[in-house]
N, C-alpha and C. Protein backbone atom coordinates (compact mmCIF):
# COMPACT_ATOMS: atom_id res chain seq x y z
N UNK A 1 -1.03 -3.93 3.06
CA UNK A 1 -2.10 -4.96 2.82
C UNK A 1 -1.42 -6.57 2.42
N UNK A 2 -1.85 -7.05 3.18
CA UNK A 2 -1.30 -8.96 2.58
C UNK A 2 -2.45 -9.07 2.28
N UNK A 3 -1.80 -10.00 1.05
CA UNK A 3 -3.23 -11.19 0.74
C UNK A 3 -2.57 -12.37 0.61
N UNK A 4 -3.38 -13.66 1.14
CA UNK A 4 -2.75 -14.78 0.54
C UNK A 4 -3.99 -15.18 -0.59
N UNK A 5 -3.41 -15.43 -1.88
CA UNK A 5 -4.09 -15.98 -3.31
C UNK A 5 -4.14 -16.80 -3.44
N UNK A 6 -4.81 -18.11 -3.31
CA UNK A 6 -5.13 -19.37 -3.74
C UNK A 6 -6.01 -19.61 -4.95
N UNK A 7 -5.27 -20.18 -5.74
CA UNK A 7 -5.88 -20.60 -7.24
C UNK A 7 -6.92 -21.78 -6.81
N UNK A 8 -8.15 -21.48 -7.01
CA UNK A 8 -9.60 -22.52 -6.22
C UNK A 8 -10.11 -23.17 -7.52
N UNK A 9 -10.40 -24.71 -7.47
CA UNK A 9 -11.78 -24.85 -8.39
C UNK A 9 -12.84 -24.54 -7.55
N UNK A 10 -13.09 -24.15 -6.14
CA UNK A 10 -14.47 -24.08 -5.29
C UNK A 10 -13.78 -23.34 -3.86
N UNK A 11 -14.53 -22.39 -3.84
CA UNK A 11 -14.28 -22.09 -2.37
C UNK A 11 -15.51 -21.77 -1.44
N UNK A 12 -15.88 -21.47 -0.27
CA UNK A 12 -17.00 -21.10 0.17
C UNK A 12 -16.79 -20.82 1.75
N UNK A 13 -17.50 -19.42 2.28
CA UNK A 13 -17.44 -19.21 3.34
C UNK A 13 -18.94 -19.36 4.05
N UNK A 14 -19.22 -20.02 5.35
CA UNK A 14 -19.96 -19.74 5.88
C UNK A 14 -20.10 -18.98 7.00
N UNK A 15 -21.19 -18.61 7.49
CA UNK A 15 -21.21 -18.03 9.13
C UNK A 15 -22.44 -18.21 10.14
N UNK A 16 -22.11 -18.79 11.43
CA UNK A 16 -23.53 -19.82 11.82
C UNK A 16 -24.06 -20.40 10.77
N UNK A 17 -23.69 -21.37 10.06
CA UNK A 17 -24.06 -22.36 9.52
C UNK A 17 -24.68 -22.09 8.29
N UNK A 18 -24.49 -20.82 7.68
CA UNK A 18 -25.23 -20.25 6.41
C UNK A 18 -24.14 -20.21 5.63
N UNK A 19 -23.89 -20.18 4.56
CA UNK A 19 -23.26 -19.95 3.06
C UNK A 19 -23.35 -18.26 3.00
N UNK A 20 -22.01 -17.53 3.16
CA UNK A 20 -22.36 -16.23 2.71
C UNK A 20 -21.54 -15.95 1.59
N UNK A 21 -20.99 -16.58 0.83
CA UNK A 21 -20.13 -16.48 -0.43
C UNK A 21 -19.49 -17.74 -0.52
N UNK A 22 -20.09 -18.18 -2.07
CA UNK A 22 -19.18 -19.26 -2.73
C UNK A 22 -18.67 -18.71 -4.21
N UNK A 23 -17.70 -19.56 -4.60
CA UNK A 23 -17.13 -19.54 -6.03
C UNK A 23 -16.83 -20.93 -6.77
N UNK A 24 -16.98 -20.66 -7.54
CA UNK A 24 -16.21 -21.91 -8.43
C UNK A 24 -14.76 -21.79 -9.04
N UNK A 25 -14.12 -21.80 -9.96
CA UNK A 25 -12.83 -21.69 -10.61
C UNK A 25 -12.35 -20.22 -10.51
N UNK A 26 -11.54 -19.87 -9.61
CA UNK A 26 -11.00 -18.45 -9.10
C UNK A 26 -10.03 -18.18 -8.46
N UNK A 27 -10.08 -17.32 -7.23
CA UNK A 27 -9.14 -16.92 -6.64
C UNK A 27 -9.69 -16.76 -4.95
N UNK A 28 -9.23 -17.70 -4.03
CA UNK A 28 -9.89 -17.62 -2.52
C UNK A 28 -8.74 -16.29 -1.90
N UNK A 29 -9.18 -14.87 -1.39
CA UNK A 29 -8.45 -13.99 -1.33
C UNK A 29 -8.62 -13.93 -0.13
N UNK A 30 -7.48 -14.31 1.01
CA UNK A 30 -7.35 -13.76 2.20
C UNK A 30 -6.84 -12.51 2.38
N UNK A 31 -7.84 -11.56 3.29
CA UNK A 31 -6.81 -10.35 2.99
C UNK A 31 -6.66 -9.66 4.24
N UNK A 32 -5.59 -9.20 4.61
CA UNK A 32 -5.39 -8.10 6.17
C UNK A 32 -4.90 -6.83 5.47
N UNK A 33 -5.41 -5.70 6.25
CA UNK A 33 -5.50 -4.48 6.16
C UNK A 33 -4.69 -3.54 7.46
N UNK A 34 -3.38 -2.85 7.10
CA UNK A 34 -2.73 -2.74 8.15
C UNK A 34 -2.86 -1.53 8.44
N UNK A 35 -2.28 -0.50 9.18
CA UNK A 35 -3.11 0.74 9.80
C UNK A 35 -2.35 1.44 8.95
N UNK A 36 -1.11 1.66 8.36
CA UNK A 36 -0.69 2.48 7.75
C UNK A 36 -1.01 2.05 6.08
N UNK A 37 -2.21 1.42 5.61
CA UNK A 37 -2.96 1.33 4.28
C UNK A 37 -3.51 2.13 4.17
N UNK A 38 -3.33 2.47 2.22
CA UNK A 38 -4.55 3.63 1.84
C UNK A 38 -5.21 3.28 0.42
N UNK A 39 -5.88 3.77 0.01
CA UNK A 39 -5.98 3.89 -1.57
C UNK A 39 -4.91 3.01 -2.40
N UNK A 40 -3.83 4.25 -2.14
CA UNK A 40 -2.65 3.59 -3.19
C UNK A 40 -2.49 1.90 -2.57
N UNK A 41 -2.69 1.65 -1.55
CA UNK A 41 -2.50 -0.10 -1.26
C UNK A 41 -3.46 -1.05 -2.41
N UNK A 42 -4.65 -0.50 -2.21
CA UNK A 42 -5.78 -1.27 -2.64
C UNK A 42 -5.47 -1.26 -4.23
N UNK A 43 -5.30 -0.36 -4.65
CA UNK A 43 -5.47 -0.08 -6.16
C UNK A 43 -4.03 -1.02 -6.33
N UNK A 44 -2.61 -1.15 -5.99
CA UNK A 44 -1.71 -1.61 -6.28
C UNK A 44 -2.65 -3.55 -6.18
N UNK A 45 -3.15 -3.60 -4.72
CA UNK A 45 -3.43 -5.08 -4.63
C UNK A 45 -4.01 -5.40 -5.51
N UNK A 46 -5.05 -4.78 -6.07
CA UNK A 46 -6.24 -5.68 -6.67
C UNK A 46 -5.56 -5.38 -8.63
N UNK A 47 -5.11 -4.63 -8.73
CA UNK A 47 -3.86 -4.48 -10.05
C UNK A 47 -3.62 -6.04 -9.72
N UNK A 48 -2.65 -6.18 -8.83
CA UNK A 48 -1.59 -7.13 -8.93
C UNK A 48 -2.53 -8.71 -8.90
N UNK A 49 -3.61 -8.82 -8.29
CA UNK A 49 -4.27 -10.09 -7.87
C UNK A 49 -4.71 -10.16 -9.52
N UNK A 50 -5.49 -9.38 -9.90
CA UNK A 50 -6.14 -9.78 -11.21
C UNK A 50 -5.47 -9.66 -12.13
N UNK A 51 -4.48 -9.67 -12.19
CA UNK A 51 -2.90 -9.45 -13.26
C UNK A 51 -2.44 -10.86 -13.16
N UNK A 52 -2.29 -11.31 -11.85
CA UNK A 52 -1.41 -12.41 -11.52
C UNK A 52 -1.68 -13.34 -13.06
N UNK A 53 -0.84 -14.60 -13.81
CA UNK A 53 -0.83 -15.16 -14.69
C UNK A 53 -0.54 -16.26 -14.17
N UNK A 54 -1.20 -17.21 -13.66
CA UNK A 54 -1.52 -18.25 -13.20
C UNK A 54 -2.44 -19.40 -13.25
N UNK A 55 -3.08 -19.20 -14.26
CA UNK A 55 -4.31 -20.34 -14.83
C UNK A 55 -3.49 -20.76 -16.00
N UNK A 56 -3.60 -22.11 -16.29
CA UNK A 56 -2.60 -22.72 -17.11
C UNK A 56 -4.05 -22.60 -18.77
N UNK A 57 -3.06 -22.35 -19.91
CA UNK A 57 -3.29 -21.81 -20.99
C UNK A 57 -3.50 -22.92 -22.12
N UNK A 58 -4.15 -23.47 -22.88
CA UNK A 58 -4.27 -24.57 -23.77
C UNK A 58 -3.18 -25.43 -23.98
N UNK A 59 -1.19 -24.58 -23.83
CA UNK A 59 -0.35 -25.68 -24.14
C UNK A 59 0.03 -25.71 -22.10
N UNK A 60 -0.91 -25.54 -20.98
CA UNK A 60 -0.42 -26.60 -19.71
C UNK A 60 0.85 -25.74 -19.18
N UNK A 61 0.78 -24.33 -19.27
CA UNK A 61 1.65 -23.23 -19.02
C UNK A 61 0.56 -22.18 -18.05
N UNK A 62 1.21 -21.78 -17.14
CA UNK A 62 0.28 -20.99 -16.09
C UNK A 62 0.50 -19.28 -17.20
N UNK A 63 -0.07 -18.74 -17.77
CA UNK A 63 0.14 -17.87 -18.84
C UNK A 63 -0.94 -17.20 -18.68
N UNK A 64 -2.24 -16.93 -17.94
CA UNK A 64 -3.79 -16.87 -18.26
C UNK A 64 -4.10 -15.93 -16.68
N UNK A 65 -4.84 -14.86 -16.52
CA UNK A 65 -4.93 -14.39 -15.72
C UNK A 65 -6.84 -14.70 -14.90
N UNK A 66 -7.09 -14.31 -14.17
CA UNK A 66 -8.79 -14.17 -13.63
C UNK A 66 -9.72 -13.97 -14.92
N UNK A 67 -9.25 -12.75 -15.40
CA UNK A 67 -10.42 -12.16 -16.24
C UNK A 67 -10.18 -13.28 -17.75
N UNK A 68 -9.32 -13.17 -18.22
CA UNK A 68 -9.11 -14.55 -19.40
C UNK A 68 -9.48 -15.62 -19.51
N UNK A 69 -9.59 -15.94 -17.98
CA UNK A 69 -10.48 -17.42 -17.52
C UNK A 69 -12.01 -17.46 -17.63
N UNK A 70 -12.35 -16.53 -16.90
CA UNK A 70 -13.35 -16.00 -16.53
C UNK A 70 -13.49 -16.68 -15.17
N UNK A 71 -12.70 -16.20 -14.52
CA UNK A 71 -12.69 -16.75 -13.08
C UNK A 71 -13.33 -15.83 -12.14
N UNK A 72 -13.65 -16.10 -10.88
CA UNK A 72 -14.35 -15.37 -9.79
C UNK A 72 -13.74 -14.97 -8.58
N UNK A 73 -13.57 -14.10 -7.82
CA UNK A 73 -13.20 -14.15 -6.37
C UNK A 73 -13.91 -14.35 -5.20
N UNK A 74 -13.37 -14.69 -4.28
CA UNK A 74 -14.20 -14.82 -2.85
C UNK A 74 -12.98 -13.62 -2.00
N UNK A 75 -13.11 -12.91 -1.37
CA UNK A 75 -12.64 -12.01 -0.58
C UNK A 75 -13.11 -12.62 0.89
N UNK A 76 -12.22 -12.57 1.89
CA UNK A 76 -12.27 -13.08 3.12
C UNK A 76 -11.46 -11.97 3.72
N UNK A 77 -12.27 -10.99 4.64
CA UNK A 77 -11.37 -10.51 5.55
C UNK A 77 -10.79 -11.03 6.78
N UNK A 78 -9.17 -11.23 7.03
CA UNK A 78 -8.67 -11.76 8.01
C UNK A 78 -7.39 -11.08 8.68
N UNK A 79 -7.41 -10.41 9.56
CA UNK A 79 -6.70 -9.31 10.15
C UNK A 79 -5.11 -10.67 10.87
N UNK A 80 -5.65 -11.25 11.25
CA UNK A 80 -4.47 -12.52 11.50
C UNK A 80 -3.44 -12.63 10.56
N UNK A 81 -3.42 -11.99 9.38
CA UNK A 81 -2.39 -12.14 8.28
C UNK A 81 -1.56 -11.18 8.94
N UNK A 82 -1.58 -10.25 9.64
CA UNK A 82 -0.29 -9.31 10.33
C UNK A 82 -0.14 -9.64 11.53
N UNK A 83 -0.57 -11.04 12.06
CA UNK A 83 0.15 -11.49 13.45
C UNK A 83 1.51 -11.23 13.47
N UNK A 84 2.49 -10.42 14.08
CA UNK A 84 3.77 -10.99 14.37
C UNK A 84 4.27 -11.96 15.20
N UNK A 85 4.76 -12.51 14.49
CA UNK A 85 5.05 -14.00 15.63
C UNK A 85 6.28 -14.14 16.09
N UNK A 86 7.29 -13.07 16.12
CA UNK A 86 8.98 -13.08 15.94
C UNK A 86 9.32 -13.05 17.42
N UNK A 87 8.09 -12.83 18.64
CA UNK A 87 8.58 -12.83 19.92
C UNK A 87 7.77 -13.35 20.71
N UNK A 88 7.73 -14.36 21.39
CA UNK A 88 6.72 -14.97 22.67
C UNK A 88 5.96 -16.04 21.62
N UNK A 89 4.97 -16.21 22.11
CA UNK A 89 4.37 -17.55 21.71
C UNK A 89 2.88 -16.88 20.96
N UNK A 90 2.26 -15.51 21.17
CA UNK A 90 1.33 -14.94 21.59
C UNK A 90 1.29 -14.19 20.14
N UNK A 91 0.70 -14.09 19.04
CA UNK A 91 0.85 -13.08 18.11
C UNK A 91 0.34 -11.66 18.30
N UNK A 92 1.48 -10.24 17.67
CA UNK A 92 1.13 -9.37 18.03
C UNK A 92 0.51 -8.63 17.16
N UNK A 93 -0.70 -7.70 17.06
CA UNK A 93 -1.65 -7.70 16.12
C UNK A 93 -1.33 -5.86 16.07
N UNK A 94 -0.41 -5.48 16.48
CA UNK A 94 -0.59 -3.90 16.59
C UNK A 94 -0.32 -3.14 15.24
N UNK A 95 0.18 -4.03 13.77
CA UNK A 95 0.15 -3.46 12.89
C UNK A 95 -1.43 -3.40 12.19
N UNK A 96 -1.92 -4.51 12.33
CA UNK A 96 -3.18 -4.38 11.91
C UNK A 96 -4.04 -2.84 11.72
N UNK A 97 -4.65 -2.84 11.13
CA UNK A 97 -5.19 -1.38 11.01
C UNK A 97 -6.97 -1.91 11.62
N UNK A 98 -7.03 -0.50 12.85
CA UNK A 98 -8.68 -0.71 13.28
C UNK A 98 -9.85 -1.09 12.85
N UNK A 99 -10.74 -1.39 13.29
CA UNK A 99 -11.86 -2.27 12.05
C UNK A 99 -12.40 -1.18 11.59
N UNK A 100 -12.92 -0.12 11.65
CA UNK A 100 -13.44 1.02 10.97
C UNK A 100 -12.50 1.46 9.45
N UNK A 101 -11.60 1.55 9.90
CA UNK A 101 -10.27 1.77 8.64
C UNK A 101 -10.18 0.25 7.64
N UNK A 102 -10.29 -0.68 8.57
CA UNK A 102 -10.17 -2.38 7.47
C UNK A 102 -11.25 -2.32 7.10
N UNK A 103 -12.55 -2.19 7.69
CA UNK A 103 -13.40 -2.24 6.55
C UNK A 103 -13.66 -1.44 5.64
N UNK A 104 -13.26 -0.03 5.72
CA UNK A 104 -13.06 0.49 4.47
C UNK A 104 -12.76 0.36 3.51
N UNK A 105 -11.34 0.25 3.69
CA UNK A 105 -10.53 -0.52 3.01
C UNK A 105 -10.54 -1.87 2.36
N UNK A 106 -11.08 -3.00 3.40
CA UNK A 106 -11.35 -4.33 2.27
C UNK A 106 -12.41 -3.70 1.56
N UNK A 107 -13.83 -2.84 1.92
CA UNK A 107 -14.30 -2.89 0.87
C UNK A 107 -14.57 -1.99 -0.67
N UNK A 108 -13.10 -1.66 -0.33
CA UNK A 108 -13.09 -0.58 -1.57
C UNK A 108 -11.92 -1.78 -2.18
N UNK A 109 -11.59 -2.74 -1.95
CA UNK A 109 -10.66 -3.75 -2.67
C UNK A 109 -11.75 -4.54 -3.25
N UNK A 110 -12.85 -4.74 -2.81
CA UNK A 110 -13.74 -5.59 -3.27
C UNK A 110 -14.25 -4.79 -4.29
N UNK A 111 -14.83 -3.23 -4.33
CA UNK A 111 -15.38 -2.74 -4.99
C UNK A 111 -14.44 -2.43 -6.39
N UNK A 112 -13.00 -2.91 -5.90
CA UNK A 112 -12.14 -2.75 -7.06
C UNK A 112 -11.69 -3.64 -8.35
N UNK A 113 -12.34 -4.98 -7.43
CA UNK A 113 -12.10 -5.93 -7.84
C UNK A 113 -13.75 -6.36 -9.09
N UNK A 114 -14.41 -5.25 -8.41
CA UNK A 114 -16.36 -5.63 -9.06
C UNK A 114 -16.02 -4.45 -10.37
N UNK A 115 -14.83 -3.43 -10.34
CA UNK A 115 -15.25 -2.12 -11.21
C UNK A 115 -14.28 -2.84 -12.49
N UNK A 116 -13.28 -4.03 -12.24
CA UNK A 116 -12.43 -4.76 -13.10
C UNK A 116 -13.14 -5.97 -13.67
N UNK A 117 -14.93 -5.58 -13.59
CA UNK A 117 -15.67 -6.79 -14.36
C UNK A 117 -15.35 -8.32 -13.77
N UNK A 118 -14.74 -8.36 -12.53
CA UNK A 118 -14.68 -10.02 -11.65
C UNK A 118 -15.84 -10.07 -11.04
N UNK A 119 -16.27 -11.32 -11.20
CA UNK A 119 -17.76 -11.62 -10.58
C UNK A 119 -16.88 -11.89 -8.78
N UNK A 120 -17.60 -11.27 -7.68
CA UNK A 120 -16.75 -11.71 -6.42
C UNK A 120 -17.58 -11.37 -5.29
N UNK A 121 -17.61 -12.23 -4.47
CA UNK A 121 -18.15 -12.78 -3.53
C UNK A 121 -17.35 -12.75 -2.36
N UNK A 122 -18.00 -12.36 -1.18
CA UNK A 122 -17.21 -12.14 -0.11
C UNK A 122 -17.81 -12.76 1.17
N UNK A 123 -16.91 -12.77 2.19
CA UNK A 123 -17.19 -13.35 3.60
C UNK A 123 -18.03 -12.27 4.40
N UNK A 124 -18.24 -12.30 5.86
CA UNK A 124 -18.92 -11.37 6.99
C UNK A 124 -17.56 -10.47 7.33
N UNK A 125 -17.10 -8.94 7.57
CA UNK A 125 -16.54 -8.49 7.97
C UNK A 125 -16.57 -8.68 9.36
N UNK A 126 -15.82 -8.91 10.11
CA UNK A 126 -15.57 -9.35 12.00
C UNK A 126 -15.98 -10.51 11.93
N UNK A 127 -16.77 -11.16 11.47
CA UNK A 127 -17.24 -12.52 11.66
C UNK A 127 -16.32 -13.45 11.86
N UNK A 128 -16.69 -14.77 13.12
CA UNK A 128 -16.26 -15.93 12.95
C UNK A 128 -16.77 -16.75 11.71
N UNK A 129 -15.55 -16.95 10.89
CA UNK A 129 -16.28 -17.51 9.42
C UNK A 129 -15.35 -19.28 9.50
N UNK A 130 -15.90 -19.84 8.54
CA UNK A 130 -15.83 -20.75 8.57
C UNK A 130 -15.61 -20.96 6.79
N UNK A 131 -13.89 -21.21 6.51
CA UNK A 131 -14.08 -20.93 4.74
C UNK A 131 -13.40 -22.39 4.18
N UNK A 132 -14.09 -23.20 3.48
CA UNK A 132 -13.66 -24.50 2.47
C UNK A 132 -12.91 -23.44 1.59
N UNK A 133 -12.43 -24.58 0.64
CA UNK A 133 -11.72 -24.25 -0.52
C UNK A 133 -10.90 -25.84 -0.91
N UNK A 134 -11.17 -26.04 -1.97
CA UNK A 134 -10.40 -27.11 -2.83
C UNK A 134 -8.96 -26.34 -4.06
N UNK A 135 -7.93 -26.64 -3.22
CA UNK A 135 -7.22 -25.38 -3.72
C UNK A 135 -6.41 -26.03 -4.72
N UNK A 136 -6.23 -25.14 -6.15
CA UNK A 136 -6.34 -26.15 -7.87
C UNK A 136 -4.20 -25.86 -7.94
N UNK A 137 -4.15 -27.14 -7.86
CA UNK A 137 -2.52 -26.90 -8.00
C UNK A 137 -1.52 -27.63 -6.97
N UNK A 138 -1.56 -27.16 -5.96
CA UNK A 138 -1.80 -26.28 -5.47
C UNK A 138 -1.14 -24.80 -5.70
N UNK A 139 -1.80 -23.91 -6.03
CA UNK A 139 -1.25 -22.69 -5.92
C UNK A 139 -1.45 -21.46 -5.14
N UNK A 140 -0.88 -20.98 -4.20
CA UNK A 140 -0.71 -20.45 -3.49
C UNK A 140 0.44 -18.98 -3.14
N UNK A 141 -0.78 -17.84 -3.22
CA UNK A 141 0.76 -16.60 -3.12
C UNK A 141 0.58 -15.57 -2.13
N UNK A 142 1.89 -15.62 -1.69
CA UNK A 142 1.61 -13.90 -0.63
C UNK A 142 1.90 -12.64 -1.35
N UNK A 143 0.92 -11.93 -1.23
CA UNK A 143 1.56 -10.70 -1.60
C UNK A 143 1.61 -9.55 -0.24
N UNK A 144 2.63 -8.42 -0.28
CA UNK A 144 2.14 -7.51 0.61
C UNK A 144 2.68 -5.95 -0.46
N UNK A 145 1.71 -5.39 -0.17
CA UNK A 145 1.43 -4.13 -0.36
C UNK A 145 2.57 -3.25 -0.15
N UNK A 146 3.21 -3.33 0.71
CA UNK A 146 4.07 -2.35 1.75
C UNK A 146 5.61 -3.12 1.35
N UNK A 147 5.68 -4.31 0.61
CA UNK A 147 7.14 -4.23 0.06
C UNK A 147 6.97 -4.89 -1.61
N UNK A 148 6.41 -3.72 -2.21
CA UNK A 148 6.06 -3.77 -3.58
C UNK A 148 7.25 -3.65 -4.70
N UNK A 149 8.09 -2.56 -3.62
CA UNK A 149 9.13 -2.20 -4.28
C UNK A 149 10.58 -2.63 -4.44
């Protein structure tokens, strides 16, 4: 499971001109699910994301996590995070999970965040989406559950 986590002042996602998810202060999380991912990856990723101490404390140091700052999450599925661009010019997506599995683990990840009392919005799985954000910092982090050890 791969995620691009961006600290944002605001973010939204639209499908066919309609806003389907929007947040203020928090994380925009672009999430890609690999074929070999399991619930263990979901649990690790959710714990990692919610525990990231990248929000400033009263001394201006990145020392607070999402919960401590009452932040929100906007989770957008993005299989292209699994694109392998090492050969040729067209990315290979063979590592990306099939849609049925990807949807299940994506929804499980969203449920994990909500279960940790993180107000969470989503995009629309398998839809053509337009994502807007104001990256705060900018702070952008890459997480990969297959490289956690």
